[in-house]
């Protein structure tokens, strides 16, 4: 009796161990992925002069309360010796030294140091940045024997797939975490980064992972870790990554033109509430309710009206309002798109020509050119407004857009995207006129700029610093 029971228990134990072994064999082993890809993952240390304000200092203001970006231990380091330091992660995408990270890791940086897994420390410069996608493209100044990561296709990601993150949470370099894709195409719910269809995962992400790669099981980068959903500032099981397809499109545009072009059709929109749906005769709350149409825009020419509801864009349904800016913004300006529209109880299709989002509403590339125009005494770089921008801003014979600020300008309220209308009493229409107007400024001089931001116009005074005051 006892012997039979013993045999049965032993047999049950064998079955249990066999089941556990089979289950273990089904779980992924990330060892080879890490050995192959980790060397191309880097630490990014950005140093900013105390006179400039790094993006990290504005973290809690720039994103909704529960969406947090993340840096190194405790965020940006405290000022030390007149400088601020922020830490993040990044990855090398080409042997000639191009590195991808987040814009908010290097925003406003004067110096950038790339630290490799083999303990090499290499200087890098900013090739270009795009605040709207939170992507920054860096270039190592003296690339030698650099490892690279393979680039994957984020469009093939599906919920439930395993993914791996490598980064430096709390300064613990080359830490490995893993999880699954929770959702693809997620909006962050705010105006910030409204053109990014985020990859949502449950991968543990913390401060210092920012800008690091998200890998699929083939060891290919499918995303850039960018934000977490949290009301504590720490990981709570919901993380967000920028799709690599979006990031690489940004890279191509930054290399080619120095800025990122995004589509716009010229409508103001808001969500369709249950009360709106009832009043309009809509069967659901899907779609984007049009509350304004910009004169002369693609939507205006396509005869879109206020109170129309846009239900689909190029065949893709607009389930929620935030879907429309994402789809339109990622459409190449000048192309034709198809809209499905609801009006007066009927649905119809119409074509619209996509315009270009004015660059005063998006971040221009911060190219590190030594062309003299950047190194002027005011520390302001400007660019000419395009015809499309002038039309949308209602400016025919006036204005240049600020694309970069440093030095004296960084101590004022000026920011990239502001439009300068006048220098002292002189109107400016081209970048050449702007630089001519400030070329004779001397140390200690003050100048007045008439600046337009959105619907507001005001004067901004800038004093040219004396040599001893320069950082």
Protein backbone atom coordinates (compact mmCIF):
# COMPACT_ATOMS: atom_id res chain seq x y z
CA UNK A 1 0.00 0.00 0.00
CA UNK A 2 2.67 2.47 1.06
CA UNK A 3 4.88 1.37 -1.82
CA UNK A 4 2.06 1.97 -4.35
CA UNK A 5 1.40 5.43 -2.90
CA UNK A 6 5.10 6.24 -3.07
CA UNK A 7 5.26 5.21 -6.71
CA UNK A 8 2.21 7.34 -7.52
CA UNK A 9 3.70 10.38 -5.75
CA UNK A 10 7.01 9.93 -7.55
CA UNK A 11 5.21 9.69 -10.87
CA UNK A 12 3.26 12.86 -10.10
CA UNK A 13 6.49 14.66 -9.23
CA UNK A 14 8.01 13.63 -12.54
CA UNK A 15 4.96 14.92 -14.42
CA UNK A 16 5.12 18.22 -12.52
CA UNK A 17 8.81 18.68 -13.27
CA UNK A 18 8.20 17.80 -16.91
CA UNK A 19 5.43 20.40 -17.13
CA UNK A 20 7.63 23.06 -15.54
CA UNK A 21 10.46 22.16 -17.92
CA UNK A 22 8.16 22.45 -20.93
CA UNK A 23 6.89 25.81 -19.69
CA UNK A 24 10.44 27.06 -19.19
CA UNK A 25 11.33 26.06 -22.73
CA UNK A 26 8.49 28.24 -24.03
CA UNK A 27 9.83 31.35 -22.28
CA UNK A 28 12.33 33.42 -24.30
CA UNK A 29 16.02 33.54 -23.49
CA UNK A 30 17.39 37.04 -24.07
CA UNK A 31 21.05 36.12 -23.63
CA UNK A 32 22.08 36.17 -27.30
CA UNK A 33 20.05 39.32 -27.98
CA UNK A 34 21.82 41.17 -25.17
CA UNK A 35 25.30 39.91 -26.12
CA UNK A 36 24.80 41.05 -29.71
CA UNK A 37 23.01 44.38 -29.20
CA UNK A 38 24.10 45.79 -25.84
CA UNK A 39 27.51 47.10 -27.04
CA UNK A 40 25.73 49.60 -29.31
CA UNK A 41 23.64 51.00 -26.45
CA UNK A 42 25.27 54.08 -24.92
CA UNK A 43 24.96 56.49 -22.02
CA UNK A 44 24.31 60.09 -23.03
CA UNK A 45 25.48 62.86 -20.72
CA UNK A 46 24.41 66.37 -21.70
CA UNK A 47 26.01 69.42 -20.08
CA UNK A 48 24.21 72.73 -20.20
CA UNK A 49 25.44 76.15 -19.12
CA UNK A 50 23.61 77.52 -16.13
CA UNK A 51 22.30 80.43 -18.24
CA UNK A 52 20.28 78.05 -20.40
CA UNK A 53 17.35 75.99 -19.18
CA UNK A 54 17.47 72.29 -20.11
CA UNK A 55 14.30 70.53 -21.16
CA UNK A 56 14.51 68.41 -18.04
CA UNK A 57 13.74 71.40 -15.82
CA UNK A 58 10.41 71.77 -17.64
CA UNK A 59 9.53 68.11 -17.47
CA UNK A 60 6.48 68.31 -15.26
CA UNK A 61 5.08 71.27 -17.20
CA UNK A 62 5.55 69.94 -20.72
CA UNK A 63 3.59 66.70 -20.40
CA UNK A 64 0.34 65.75 -18.69
CA UNK A 65 0.75 65.14 -14.96
CA UNK A 66 0.72 61.37 -15.26
CA UNK A 67 3.08 61.22 -18.23
CA UNK A 68 6.67 61.54 -17.09
CA UNK A 69 9.89 61.63 -19.07
CA UNK A 70 12.94 60.27 -17.35
CA UNK A 71 16.61 61.09 -16.97
CA UNK A 72 19.42 59.83 -14.80
CA UNK A 73 19.52 59.46 -11.01
CA UNK A 74 16.85 61.82 -9.68
CA UNK A 75 16.59 63.66 -13.00
CA UNK A 76 19.02 66.36 -14.14
CA UNK A 77 21.95 66.83 -11.79
CA UNK A 78 22.02 69.93 -9.68
CA UNK A 79 24.09 72.88 -10.89
CA UNK A 80 27.79 72.36 -10.34
CA UNK A 81 30.41 74.83 -11.41
CA UNK A 82 27.87 76.82 -13.45
CA UNK A 83 26.66 73.79 -15.39
CA UNK A 84 23.75 71.36 -15.39
CA UNK A 85 24.04 67.72 -16.35
CA UNK A 86 21.32 65.36 -17.53
CA UNK A 87 21.74 61.66 -18.10
CA UNK A 88 19.94 59.40 -20.52
CA UNK A 89 20.46 56.52 -22.90
CA UNK A 90 20.87 56.18 -26.65
CA UNK A 91 22.00 53.79 -29.36
CA UNK A 92 24.35 53.87 -32.35
CA UNK A 93 22.55 53.40 -35.67
CA UNK A 94 25.47 53.62 -38.13
CA UNK A 95 29.25 52.98 -38.15
CA UNK A 96 29.96 56.63 -38.96
CA UNK A 97 28.74 57.63 -35.53
CA UNK A 98 25.06 58.61 -35.72
CA UNK A 99 23.28 58.14 -32.39
CA UNK A 100 19.57 58.29 -31.58
CA UNK A 101 18.19 59.48 -28.25
CA UNK A 102 15.34 61.65 -26.94
CA UNK A 103 15.19 65.37 -27.61
CA UNK A 104 14.51 66.09 -23.95
CA UNK A 105 17.78 64.40 -22.96
CA UNK A 106 19.95 66.84 -24.95
CA UNK A 107 17.72 69.90 -25.30
CA UNK A 108 19.78 73.05 -24.75
CA UNK A 109 23.01 71.10 -24.26
CA UNK A 110 26.35 72.83 -24.82
CA UNK A 111 28.38 69.62 -24.61
CA UNK A 112 27.43 65.97 -25.09
CA UNK A 113 29.45 62.97 -23.98
CA UNK A 114 28.74 59.45 -25.26
CA UNK A 115 29.86 56.59 -23.01
CA UNK A 116 30.17 53.14 -24.59
CA UNK A 117 30.03 49.76 -22.89
CA UNK A 118 33.78 49.32 -23.43
CA UNK A 119 34.29 52.45 -21.26
CA UNK A 120 35.25 54.72 -24.13
CA UNK A 121 34.00 58.29 -23.76
CA UNK A 122 33.44 60.17 -27.03
CA UNK A 123 32.25 63.69 -27.72
CA UNK A 124 29.17 64.20 -29.88
CA UNK A 125 27.27 67.08 -31.42
CA UNK A 126 23.58 67.59 -32.11
CA UNK A 127 22.79 67.13 -35.78
CA UNK A 128 19.11 67.94 -35.35
CA UNK A 129 16.21 67.62 -32.94
CA UNK A 130 12.45 67.38 -33.20
CA UNK A 131 10.45 68.23 -30.11
CA UNK A 132 7.17 66.97 -31.57
CA UNK A 133 8.47 63.40 -31.82
CA UNK A 134 10.98 63.82 -28.95
CA UNK A 135 13.77 62.51 -31.20
CA UNK A 136 17.33 63.81 -31.32
CA UNK A 137 19.99 62.80 -33.83
CA UNK A 138 23.57 63.05 -32.57
CA UNK A 139 26.90 62.51 -34.32
CA UNK A 140 30.01 61.23 -32.59
CA UNK A 141 32.79 63.59 -33.68
CA UNK A 142 35.54 60.96 -34.00
CA UNK A 143 33.92 57.59 -34.73
CA UNK A 144 36.18 54.52 -34.66
CA UNK A 145 35.22 50.85 -34.48
CA UNK A 146 31.66 51.58 -33.40
CA UNK A 147 29.11 48.79 -32.86
CA UNK A 148 25.62 49.36 -34.27
CA UNK A 149 22.11 48.05 -33.71
CA UNK A 150 19.91 46.59 -36.47
CA UNK A 151 16.77 48.61 -37.19
CA UNK A 152 13.46 46.74 -37.24
CA UNK A 153 9.94 47.52 -38.44
CA UNK A 154 7.68 48.87 -35.69
CA UNK A 155 4.73 48.51 -38.04
CA UNK A 156 4.86 44.75 -37.52
CA UNK A 157 4.50 44.91 -33.73
CA UNK A 158 1.43 43.31 -32.19
CA UNK A 159 0.08 43.32 -28.64
CA UNK A 160 1.41 40.35 -26.69
CA UNK A 161 4.82 40.19 -28.35
CA UNK A 162 7.91 40.11 -26.14
CA UNK A 163 10.16 43.20 -26.11
CA UNK A 164 13.40 44.07 -24.30
CA UNK A 165 14.74 47.42 -23.10
CA UNK A 166 18.39 48.23 -22.49
CA UNK A 167 19.36 51.44 -20.73
CA UNK A 168 20.70 53.10 -17.62
CA UNK A 169 17.95 53.40 -15.01
CA UNK A 170 19.20 55.46 -12.04
CA UNK A 171 22.65 55.44 -13.66
CA UNK A 172 22.92 51.63 -13.60
CA UNK A 173 24.29 51.29 -17.11
CA UNK A 174 23.30 48.47 -19.47
CA UNK A 175 20.45 47.20 -17.35
CA UNK A 176 18.12 44.73 -19.10
CA UNK A 177 14.36 44.67 -18.58
CA UNK A 178 11.66 42.88 -20.54
CA UNK A 179 7.91 42.70 -21.00
CA UNK A 180 5.25 42.56 -23.68
CA UNK A 181 3.66 45.03 -26.07
CA UNK A 182 0.43 46.19 -24.45
CA UNK A 183 -0.93 48.38 -27.25
CA UNK A 184 0.23 49.95 -30.50
CA UNK A 185 -0.73 53.40 -31.78
CA UNK A 186 -1.46 54.92 -28.37
CA UNK A 187 -1.94 58.69 -28.01
CA UNK A 188 -0.60 60.30 -24.86
CA UNK A 189 -3.81 62.30 -24.52
CA UNK A 190 -2.28 65.78 -24.73
CA UNK A 191 -0.97 68.31 -27.22
CA UNK A 192 2.61 67.23 -26.53
CA UNK A 193 3.81 64.64 -29.05
CA UNK A 194 0.37 64.40 -30.66
CA UNK A 195 2.04 63.14 -33.84
CA UNK A 196 3.50 60.00 -32.23
CA UNK A 197 1.58 56.69 -32.24
CA UNK A 198 3.24 55.36 -29.09
CA UNK A 199 4.06 51.72 -28.41
CA UNK A 200 2.68 50.93 -24.96
CA UNK A 201 4.46 48.17 -23.04
CA UNK A 202 4.72 46.79 -19.52
CA UNK A 203 8.53 46.82 -19.69
CA UNK A 204 9.97 48.21 -16.41
CA UNK A 205 11.32 51.66 -17.34
CA UNK A 206 12.73 54.26 -14.96
CA UNK A 207 14.76 57.47 -14.92
CA UNK A 208 17.84 57.06 -17.07
CA UNK A 209 16.19 54.70 -19.61
CA UNK A 210 15.10 57.74 -21.59
CA UNK A 211 16.33 57.56 -25.19
CA UNK A 212 17.30 53.90 -24.94
CA UNK A 213 16.26 51.20 -27.44
CA UNK A 214 13.32 48.81 -27.30
CA UNK A 215 14.15 45.50 -29.04
CA UNK A 216 12.04 42.73 -30.51
CA UNK A 217 13.12 39.10 -30.09
CA UNK A 218 15.13 39.28 -33.31
CA UNK A 219 17.39 41.85 -31.68
CA UNK A 220 16.08 44.68 -33.85
CA UNK A 221 15.25 48.12 -32.46
CA UNK A 222 11.52 48.76 -32.75
CA UNK A 223 11.21 51.80 -30.49
CA UNK A 224 12.85 54.51 -28.37
CA UNK A 225 11.82 54.51 -24.71
CA UNK A 226 10.41 57.95 -23.98
CA UNK A 227 7.73 58.21 -21.30
CA UNK A 228 6.06 56.42 -18.42
CA UNK A 229 2.53 56.64 -17.09
CA UNK A 230 2.87 57.44 -13.42
CA UNK A 231 1.46 59.49 -10.56
CA UNK A 232 4.52 58.82 -8.41
CA UNK A 233 7.36 59.52 -10.86
CA UNK A 234 8.35 55.85 -10.87
CA UNK A 235 7.45 52.82 -12.94
CA UNK A 236 3.85 51.65 -12.52
CA UNK A 237 3.56 49.04 -15.27
CA UNK A 238 2.79 51.34 -18.21
CA UNK A 239 5.63 52.58 -20.44
CA UNK A 240 5.72 54.25 -23.84
CA UNK A 241 8.18 54.06 -26.72
CA UNK A 242 8.43 56.08 -29.93
CA UNK A 243 8.04 53.70 -32.91
CA UNK A 244 11.34 53.30 -34.73
CA UNK A 245 9.59 53.91 -38.07
CA UNK A 246 8.62 57.38 -36.83
CA UNK A 247 12.13 57.99 -35.49
CA UNK A 248 13.88 56.94 -38.70
CA UNK A 249 11.59 59.15 -40.77
CA UNK A 250 12.64 62.00 -38.49
CA UNK A 251 16.30 61.04 -38.99
CA UNK A 252 15.99 61.15 -42.77
CA UNK A 253 14.36 64.59 -42.71
CA UNK A 254 16.85 66.02 -40.23
CA UNK A 255 19.74 64.85 -42.41
CA UNK A 256 18.16 66.16 -45.60
CA UNK A 257 16.65 69.51 -44.56
CA UNK A 258 17.52 70.13 -40.92
CA UNK A 259 13.89 70.08 -39.85
CA UNK A 260 10.84 67.82 -39.89
CA UNK A 261 7.85 68.59 -42.11
CA UNK A 262 4.39 67.56 -40.96
CA UNK A 263 1.05 67.61 -42.65
CA UNK A 264 -1.88 69.85 -41.73
CA UNK A 265 -5.34 70.22 -43.27
CA UNK A 266 -6.35 73.38 -41.42
CA UNK A 267 -9.08 72.35 -38.99
CA UNK A 268 -9.56 72.84 -35.27
CA UNK A 269 -11.17 69.80 -33.71
CA UNK A 270 -12.62 68.54 -30.44
CA UNK A 271 -14.05 65.24 -29.17
CA UNK A 272 -17.56 64.10 -30.03
CA UNK A 273 -19.38 63.80 -26.71
CA UNK A 274 -22.58 61.85 -26.20
CA UNK A 275 -24.57 65.10 -26.20
CA UNK A 276 -22.92 66.25 -29.44
CA UNK A 277 -23.59 62.89 -31.07
CA UNK A 278 -27.26 63.11 -30.09
CA UNK A 279 -27.60 66.67 -31.37
CA UNK A 280 -25.87 65.86 -34.67
CA UNK A 281 -27.66 62.57 -35.22
CA UNK A 282 -24.48 60.52 -35.02
CA UNK A 283 -24.86 56.86 -34.07
CA UNK A 284 -21.63 56.91 -31.95
CA UNK A 285 -19.08 59.21 -30.37
CA UNK A 286 -16.36 58.25 -32.85
CA UNK A 287 -14.75 60.90 -35.03
CA UNK A 288 -13.38 64.42 -34.73
CA UNK A 289 -15.80 67.35 -34.51
CA UNK A 290 -14.69 70.33 -36.60
CA UNK A 291 -14.88 73.57 -34.58
CA UNK A 292 -12.93 75.83 -36.97
CA UNK A 293 -11.66 75.84 -40.55
CA UNK A 294 -8.67 77.96 -41.49
CA UNK A 295 -9.31 80.15 -44.54
CA UNK A 296 -7.33 79.05 -47.59
CA UNK A 297 -6.35 75.71 -46.03
CA UNK A 298 -6.79 72.31 -47.60
CA UNK A 299 -9.91 71.71 -45.54
CA UNK A 300 -11.36 75.05 -46.64
CA UNK A 301 -10.76 74.23 -50.29
CA UNK A 302 -12.30 70.80 -49.75
CA UNK A 303 -15.46 72.53 -48.44
CA UNK A 304 -15.20 71.21 -44.89
CA UNK A 305 -17.61 73.05 -42.57
CA UNK A 306 -17.76 73.81 -38.87
CA UNK A 307 -19.80 71.05 -37.11
CA UNK A 308 -18.74 68.44 -39.68
CA UNK A 309 -17.47 65.25 -38.09
CA UNK A 310 -14.45 63.61 -39.72
CA UNK A 311 -14.97 59.86 -39.40
CA UNK A 312 -12.00 58.48 -41.38
CA UNK A 313 -8.74 59.62 -42.94
CA UNK A 314 -7.37 57.71 -45.94
CA UNK A 315 -9.61 54.79 -45.01
CA UNK A 316 -8.48 54.66 -41.38
CA UNK A 317 -11.29 55.24 -38.87
CA UNK A 318 -11.01 58.11 -36.40
CA UNK A 319 -12.02 56.30 -33.21
CA UNK A 320 -11.02 59.24 -31.04
CA UNK A 321 -10.15 62.86 -31.78
CA UNK A 322 -6.43 62.39 -31.15
CA UNK A 323 -6.24 59.91 -34.05
CA UNK A 324 -6.66 62.66 -36.67
CA UNK A 325 -3.62 64.87 -35.85
CA UNK A 326 -1.50 61.74 -35.69
CA UNK A 327 -2.56 60.57 -39.16
CA UNK A 328 -2.47 64.01 -40.79
CA UNK A 329 0.82 65.01 -39.18
CA UNK A 330 2.56 61.94 -40.57
CA UNK A 331 1.33 62.64 -44.11
CA UNK A 332 3.78 64.23 -46.51
CA UNK A 333 2.77 67.83 -47.28
CA UNK A 334 1.47 68.27 -50.81
CA UNK A 335 -0.15 64.86 -51.03
CA UNK A 336 -3.88 64.25 -51.43
CA UNK A 337 -5.85 62.52 -48.71
CA UNK A 338 -9.37 61.15 -48.54
CA UNK A 339 -11.76 62.16 -45.78
CA UNK A 340 -14.97 60.47 -44.71
CA UNK A 341 -17.23 63.19 -43.34
CA UNK A 342 -20.58 63.25 -41.55
CA UNK A 343 -22.85 66.28 -42.11
CA UNK A 344 -26.60 66.82 -41.62
CA UNK A 345 -27.33 63.14 -41.12
CA UNK A 346 -25.40 62.01 -44.21
CA UNK A 347 -21.93 60.60 -44.82
CA UNK A 348 -19.80 61.55 -47.82
CA UNK A 349 -16.18 61.31 -49.02
CA UNK A 350 -14.04 64.22 -50.13
CA UNK A 351 -10.42 64.82 -51.10
CA UNK A 352 -8.13 67.29 -49.35
CA UNK A 353 -4.63 68.48 -50.23
CA UNK A 354 -2.40 68.29 -47.15
CA UNK A 355 -0.47 71.45 -46.34
CA UNK A 356 2.66 71.85 -44.19
CA UNK A 357 2.42 72.53 -40.48
CA UNK A 358 4.03 75.95 -39.84
CA UNK A 359 7.34 75.47 -38.16
CA UNK A 360 6.47 78.06 -35.56
CA UNK A 361 4.20 75.33 -34.17
CA UNK A 362 6.87 72.66 -34.13
CA UNK A 363 10.50 72.54 -33.13
CA UNK A 364 13.09 73.37 -35.74
CA UNK A 365 16.32 71.43 -35.99
CA UNK A 366 19.15 72.75 -33.86
CA UNK A 367 22.02 72.40 -36.30
CA UNK A 368 25.48 73.07 -34.93
CA UNK A 369 26.72 75.12 -37.86
CA UNK A 370 29.62 77.49 -37.43
CA UNK A 371 28.30 79.93 -40.04
CA UNK A 372 28.56 83.17 -38.10
CA UNK A 373 24.81 83.66 -38.07
CA UNK A 374 24.41 81.39 -35.08
CA UNK A 375 27.28 82.96 -33.20
CA UNK A 376 25.88 86.49 -33.34
CA UNK A 377 25.91 88.67 -30.23
CA UNK A 378 22.24 88.07 -29.44
CA UNK A 379 22.50 84.30 -29.73
CA UNK A 380 19.52 84.02 -32.11
CA UNK A 381 19.25 82.03 -35.33
CA UNK A 382 16.29 82.76 -37.61
CA UNK A 383 14.89 81.29 -40.80
CA UNK A 384 12.66 82.68 -43.53
CA UNK A 385 8.97 81.90 -43.36
CA UNK A 386 7.71 79.74 -46.19
CA UNK A 387 4.79 80.86 -48.37
CA UNK A 388 2.59 78.30 -46.64
CA UNK A 389 3.59 79.60 -43.21
CA UNK A 390 2.94 83.20 -44.21
CA UNK A 391 -0.51 82.25 -45.46
CA UNK A 392 -1.40 80.42 -42.28
CA UNK A 393 0.01 83.15 -40.03
CA UNK A 394 -1.60 85.92 -42.07
CA UNK A 395 1.75 87.64 -42.72
CA UNK A 396 2.65 88.91 -46.17
CA UNK A 397 5.54 91.33 -45.77
CA UNK A 398 6.89 90.80 -42.30
CA UNK A 399 8.45 88.24 -39.98
CA UNK A 400 11.17 85.61 -39.61
CA UNK A 401 10.95 82.56 -37.36
CA UNK A 402 13.43 81.85 -34.54
CA UNK A 403 14.97 78.40 -34.97
CA UNK A 404 17.59 78.42 -32.19
CA UNK A 405 18.61 80.50 -29.20
CA UNK A 406 21.69 80.62 -26.99
CA UNK A 407 23.74 83.09 -24.99
CA UNK A 408 21.98 86.39 -24.28
CA UNK A 409 18.70 85.26 -25.89
CA UNK A 410 18.49 82.24 -23.60
CA UNK A 411 18.12 84.62 -20.63
CA UNK A 412 14.87 86.03 -22.06
CA UNK A 413 11.43 84.53 -22.65
CA UNK A 414 12.22 83.91 -26.33
CA UNK A 415 11.91 80.39 -27.66
CA UNK A 416 12.21 78.58 -31.01
CA UNK A 417 9.06 79.11 -33.04
CA UNK A 418 8.60 82.76 -32.08
CA UNK A 419 8.23 85.10 -35.05
CA UNK A 420 10.32 88.30 -35.02
CA UNK A 421 8.49 91.18 -36.72
CA UNK A 422 10.82 94.08 -35.97
CA UNK A 423 14.31 94.81 -34.69
CA UNK A 424 14.11 98.16 -32.88
CA UNK A 425 12.05 100.24 -35.34
CA UNK A 426 12.97 98.27 -38.43
CA UNK A 427 10.65 95.65 -39.90
CA UNK A 428 12.28 92.39 -41.01
CA UNK A 429 10.99 90.01 -43.65
CA UNK A 430 14.02 87.83 -44.40
CA UNK A 431 16.77 86.27 -42.33
CA UNK A 432 19.26 88.48 -44.17
CA UNK A 433 17.41 91.61 -43.05
CA UNK A 434 17.40 90.34 -39.46
CA UNK A 435 21.15 89.67 -39.40
CA UNK A 436 21.86 93.03 -41.06
CA UNK A 437 19.79 94.75 -38.35
CA UNK A 438 21.85 93.26 -35.51
CA UNK A 439 25.31 93.06 -37.07
CA UNK A 440 26.52 96.40 -35.64
CA UNK A 441 25.48 95.72 -32.05
CA UNK A 442 28.28 96.23 -29.54
CA UNK A 443 28.93 94.97 -26.04
CA UNK A 444 26.54 96.60 -23.58
CA UNK A 445 24.04 97.61 -26.32
CA UNK A 446 20.36 96.81 -25.87
CA UNK A 447 17.90 96.10 -28.63
CA UNK A 448 14.14 95.69 -28.85
CA UNK A 449 12.49 92.86 -30.77
CA UNK A 450 8.80 92.86 -31.61
CA UNK A 451 7.83 89.19 -31.31
CA UNK A 452 4.65 87.29 -32.18
CA UNK A 453 3.75 84.01 -30.45
CA UNK A 454 0.38 82.55 -31.32
CA UNK A 455 -2.10 85.41 -31.16
CA UNK A 456 0.02 87.50 -28.77
CA UNK A 457 2.52 90.18 -29.82
CA UNK A 458 4.97 91.88 -27.46
CA UNK A 459 8.37 93.56 -27.29
CA UNK A 460 11.35 91.70 -25.85
CA UNK A 461 14.50 93.55 -24.79
CA UNK A 462 17.91 91.89 -25.09
CA UNK A 463 21.16 93.28 -23.75
CA UNK A 464 24.40 92.31 -25.48
CA UNK A 465 26.61 90.89 -22.71
CA UNK A 466 30.09 92.16 -22.04
CA UNK A 467 32.95 89.73 -22.52
CA UNK A 468 33.29 89.02 -18.79
CA UNK A 469 29.57 88.15 -18.62
CA UNK A 470 29.66 85.51 -21.34
CA UNK A 471 29.46 81.88 -20.34
